[in-house]
Amino acid sequence: MTYEFLSPEWLVAATEIRNAAGDLGDAPVEVIMNLTVTDVPFGPDTLEAHLNSASGPLAIEYEHHANAHLSITIDWSTAKALLIDGNPQAAMGAFLNGKIKVEGDMSKLIALQNTPPSPRAQVLLLELRALTA
């Protein structure tokens, strides 16, 4: 079964995948990143979430985190292209066109972009792609 990226059903399934993976070790970059996702095709037009690798592998949860290193405002289709499709070109074009706004510690974002995922993390990404509509 597939779900819309960031929908409540997707988030539950993504969390189950992450939890089933067990201990993946520490994330190569410790970052807490708040996301404000616009143009969401379901529910409210704007969604607030955060990515967190401070306590292990990267996890995504709804709502902003009080201790985030940085905040990003991004439209839904670009977030999906970047996080699920692994298409950094989509993000670069959106950033240059002002569709992505970043506030806070840019060094964390750059470090995250420049660190390739581990082989086990790549397997998890494939599983996330398979459940994403």
C-alpha atoms as a PDB file:
ATOM      1  CA  MET A   1       0.000   0.000   0.000  1.00  0.00           C
ATOM      2  CA  THR A   2       1.227   3.538  -0.755  1.00  0.00           C
ATOM      3  CA  TYR A   3       0.469   6.828   0.950  1.00  0.00           C
ATOM      4  CA  GLU A   4       0.880  10.509   0.142  1.00  0.00           C
ATOM      5  CA  PHE A   5       4.235  11.831   1.333  1.00  0.00           C
ATOM      6  CA  LEU A   6       3.918  13.302   4.861  1.00  0.00           C
ATOM      7  CA  SER A   7       0.294  12.222   5.290  1.00  0.00           C
ATOM      8  CA  PRO A   8      -0.573  10.818   8.718  1.00  0.00           C
ATOM      9  CA  GLU A   9      -0.684   7.298   7.233  1.00  0.00           C
ATOM     10  CA  TRP A  10       2.712   7.797   5.575  1.00  0.00           C
ATOM     11  CA  LEU A  11       4.234   9.062   8.812  1.00  0.00           C
ATOM     12  CA  VAL A  12       2.977   6.009  10.745  1.00  0.00           C
ATOM     13  CA  ALA A  13       4.353   3.631   8.075  1.00  0.00           C
ATOM     14  CA  ALA A  14       7.672   5.509   7.892  1.00  0.00           C
ATOM     15  CA  THR A  15       8.051   5.358  11.681  1.00  0.00           C
ATOM     16  CA  GLU A  16       7.343   1.605  11.611  1.00  0.00           C
ATOM     17  CA  ILE A  17      10.065   1.132   8.971  1.00  0.00           C
ATOM     18  CA  ARG A  18      12.559   3.115  11.036  1.00  0.00           C
ATOM     19  CA  ASN A  19      11.681   1.262  14.258  1.00  0.00           C
ATOM     20  CA  ALA A  20      11.857  -2.153  12.556  1.00  0.00           C
ATOM     21  CA  ALA A  21      15.367  -1.354  11.330  1.00  0.00           C
ATOM     22  CA  GLY A  22      16.682  -1.529  14.874  1.00  0.00           C
ATOM     23  CA  ASP A  23      19.903   0.171  15.899  1.00  0.00           C
ATOM     24  CA  LEU A  24      21.485   1.847  12.884  1.00  0.00           C
ATOM     25  CA  GLY A  25      24.115   3.536  15.006  1.00  0.00           C
ATOM     26  CA  ASP A  26      24.649   7.250  15.304  1.00  0.00           C
ATOM     27  CA  ALA A  27      23.730   9.496  12.429  1.00  0.00           C
ATOM     28  CA  PRO A  28      26.809  10.945  10.684  1.00  0.00           C
ATOM     29  CA  VAL A  29      25.475  14.474  11.248  1.00  0.00           C
ATOM     30  CA  GLU A  30      23.546  15.501  14.337  1.00  0.00           C
ATOM     31  CA  VAL A  31      20.824  17.880  13.213  1.00  0.00           C
ATOM     32  CA  ILE A  32      17.364  18.962  14.269  1.00  0.00           C
ATOM     33  CA  MET A  33      15.643  20.714  11.398  1.00  0.00           C
ATOM     34  CA  ASN A  34      12.205  22.298  11.525  1.00  0.00           C
ATOM     35  CA  LEU A  35      10.213  22.053   8.299  1.00  0.00           C
ATOM     36  CA  THR A  36       7.364  24.248   7.220  1.00  0.00           C
ATOM     37  CA  VAL A  37       5.942  22.491   4.172  1.00  0.00           C
ATOM     38  CA  THR A  38       3.644  24.541   1.946  1.00  0.00           C
ATOM     39  CA  ASP A  39       1.263  23.584  -0.865  1.00  0.00           C
ATOM     40  CA  VAL A  40       0.399  20.283   0.823  1.00  0.00           C
ATOM     41  CA  PRO A  41      -2.098  18.389  -1.395  1.00  0.00           C
ATOM     42  CA  PHE A  42      -4.054  16.939   1.559  1.00  0.00           C
ATOM     43  CA  GLY A  43      -5.401  18.420   4.794  1.00  0.00           C
ATOM     44  CA  PRO A  44      -4.262  21.934   5.661  1.00  0.00           C
ATOM     45  CA  ASP A  45      -2.240  23.815   3.035  1.00  0.00           C
ATOM     46  CA  THR A  46       0.761  24.105   5.382  1.00  0.00           C
ATOM     47  CA  LEU A  47       2.286  21.387   7.545  1.00  0.00           C
ATOM     48  CA  GLU A  48       4.840  21.744  10.349  1.00  0.00           C
ATOM     49  CA  ALA A  49       7.273  18.916  11.061  1.00  0.00           C
ATOM     50  CA  HIS A  50      10.878  18.324  12.041  1.00  0.00           C
ATOM     51  CA  LEU A  51      13.712  16.021  11.079  1.00  0.00           C
ATOM     52  CA  ASN A  52      15.854  14.828  13.965  1.00  0.00           C
ATOM     53  CA  SER A  53      19.068  12.830  13.955  1.00  0.00           C
ATOM     54  CA  ALA A  54      20.192  13.907  17.443  1.00  0.00           C
ATOM     55  CA  SER A  55      19.049  10.631  18.996  1.00  0.00           C
ATOM     56  CA  GLY A  56      20.113   8.242  16.229  1.00  0.00           C
ATOM     57  CA  PRO A  57      19.070   7.770  12.616  1.00  0.00           C
ATOM     58  CA  LEU A  58      17.092  10.534  10.958  1.00  0.00           C
ATOM     59  CA  ALA A  59      13.454  10.577  12.069  1.00  0.00           C
ATOM     60  CA  ILE A  60      10.577  12.785  10.973  1.00  0.00           C
ATOM     61  CA  GLU A  61       7.738  13.880  13.236  1.00  0.00           C
ATOM     62  CA  TYR A  62       4.943  16.424  13.099  1.00  0.00           C
ATOM     63  CA  GLU A  63       5.281  19.815  14.803  1.00  0.00           C
ATOM     64  CA  HIS A  64       8.322  22.017  15.140  1.00  0.00           C
ATOM     65  CA  HIS A  65      11.070  21.102  17.612  1.00  0.00           C
ATOM     66  CA  ALA A  66      11.870  23.698  20.286  1.00  0.00           C
ATOM     67  CA  ASN A  67      15.648  23.172  19.971  1.00  0.00           C
ATOM     68  CA  ALA A  68      16.065  23.071  16.193  1.00  0.00           C
ATOM     69  CA  HIS A  69      19.413  23.987  14.644  1.00  0.00           C
ATOM     70  CA  LEU A  70      17.711  25.405  11.572  1.00  0.00           C
ATOM     71  CA  SER A  71      14.340  25.933   9.944  1.00  0.00           C
ATOM     72  CA  ILE A  72      13.402  25.389   6.329  1.00  0.00           C
ATOM     73  CA  THR A  73      10.297  26.505   4.486  1.00  0.00           C
ATOM     74  CA  ILE A  74       9.781  24.346   1.402  1.00  0.00           C
ATOM     75  CA  ASP A  75       6.894  23.406  -0.865  1.00  0.00           C
ATOM     76  CA  TRP A  76       5.558  19.838  -0.680  1.00  0.00           C
ATOM     77  CA  SER A  77       6.622  18.695  -4.161  1.00  0.00           C
ATOM     78  CA  THR A  78      10.191  19.937  -3.664  1.00  0.00           C
ATOM     79  CA  ALA A  79      10.385  18.294  -0.220  1.00  0.00           C
ATOM     80  CA  LYS A  80       9.245  15.016  -1.761  1.00  0.00           C
ATOM     81  CA  ALA A  81      11.720  15.349  -4.655  1.00  0.00           C
ATOM     82  CA  LEU A  82      14.559  15.977  -2.226  1.00  0.00           C
ATOM     83  CA  LEU A  83      13.766  13.626   0.662  1.00  0.00           C
ATOM     84  CA  ILE A  84      12.125  10.706  -1.157  1.00  0.00           C
ATOM     85  CA  ASP A  85      13.289  10.899  -4.778  1.00  0.00           C
ATOM     86  CA  GLY A  86      16.824  11.939  -3.801  1.00  0.00           C
ATOM     87  CA  ASN A  87      16.820  14.727  -6.398  1.00  0.00           C
ATOM     88  CA  PRO A  88      19.132  17.511  -5.172  1.00  0.00           C
ATOM     89  CA  GLN A  89      18.739  19.358  -8.492  1.00  0.00           C
ATOM     90  CA  ALA A  90      15.062  20.013  -7.677  1.00  0.00           C
ATOM     91  CA  ALA A  91      16.082  21.555  -4.374  1.00  0.00           C
ATOM     92  CA  MET A  92      18.820  23.665  -5.947  1.00  0.00           C
ATOM     93  CA  GLY A  93      16.422  25.066  -8.547  1.00  0.00           C
ATOM     94  CA  ALA A  94      13.791  25.764  -5.901  1.00  0.00           C
ATOM     95  CA  PHE A  95      16.379  27.450  -3.660  1.00  0.00           C
ATOM     96  CA  LEU A  96      17.571  29.682  -6.497  1.00  0.00           C
ATOM     97  CA  ASN A  97      13.957  30.607  -7.302  1.00  0.00           C
ATOM     98  CA  GLY A  98      13.186  31.500  -3.674  1.00  0.00           C
ATOM     99  CA  LYS A  99      10.927  28.487  -3.075  1.00  0.00           C
ATOM    100  CA  ILE A 100      13.144  27.281  -0.226  1.00  0.00           C
ATOM    101  CA  LYS A 101      13.948  29.548   2.696  1.00  0.00           C
ATOM    102  CA  VAL A 102      16.540  28.587   5.306  1.00  0.00           C
ATOM    103  CA  GLU A 103      17.092  30.173   8.710  1.00  0.00           C
ATOM    104  CA  GLY A 104      19.635  29.084  11.293  1.00  0.00           C
ATOM    105  CA  ASP A 105      22.795  26.985  11.179  1.00  0.00           C
ATOM    106  CA  MET A 106      23.459  26.430   7.465  1.00  0.00           C
ATOM    107  CA  SER A 107      26.589  24.414   8.310  1.00  0.00           C
ATOM    108  CA  LYS A 108      24.344  21.593   9.597  1.00  0.00           C
ATOM    109  CA  LEU A 109      22.423  21.529   6.319  1.00  0.00           C
ATOM    110  CA  ILE A 110      25.614  21.535   4.250  1.00  0.00           C
ATOM    111  CA  ALA A 111      27.128  18.748   6.369  1.00  0.00           C
ATOM    112  CA  LEU A 112      23.948  16.686   5.966  1.00  0.00           C
ATOM    113  CA  GLN A 113      23.969  17.201   2.184  1.00  0.00           C
ATOM    114  CA  ASN A 114      27.641  16.241   1.909  1.00  0.00           C
ATOM    115  CA  THR A 115      27.357  13.028   3.921  1.00  0.00           C
ATOM    116  CA  PRO A 116      26.267  10.002   1.896  1.00  0.00           C
ATOM    117  CA  PRO A 117      23.789   7.666   3.598  1.00  0.00           C
ATOM    118  CA  SER A 118      25.102   4.367   4.947  1.00  0.00           C
ATOM    119  CA  PRO A 119      24.177   1.176   3.064  1.00  0.00           C
ATOM    120  CA  ARG A 120      21.523   0.366   5.704  1.00  0.00           C
ATOM    121  CA  ALA A 121      20.098   3.884   5.461  1.00  0.00           C
ATOM    122  CA  GLN A 122      19.917   3.473   1.676  1.00  0.00           C
ATOM    123  CA  VAL A 123      17.815   0.325   2.174  1.00  0.00           C
ATOM    124  CA  LEU A 124      15.461   2.285   4.451  1.00  0.00           C
ATOM    125  CA  LEU A 125      15.181   4.994   1.814  1.00  0.00           C
ATOM    126  CA  LEU A 126      14.156   2.385  -0.758  1.00  0.00           C
ATOM    127  CA  GLU A 127      11.467   1.166   1.634  1.00  0.00           C
ATOM    128  CA  LEU A 128      10.226   4.753   2.122  1.00  0.00           C
ATOM    129  CA  ARG A 129      10.093   5.241  -1.634  1.00  0.00           C
ATOM    130  CA  ALA A 130       8.074   2.023  -2.009  1.00  0.00           C
ATOM    131  CA  LEU A 131       5.403   3.222   0.430  1.00  0.00           C
ATOM    132  CA  THR A 132       5.179   6.739  -1.040  1.00  0.00           C
ATOM    133  CA  ALA A 133       2.508   7.529  -3.622  1.00  0.00           C
END
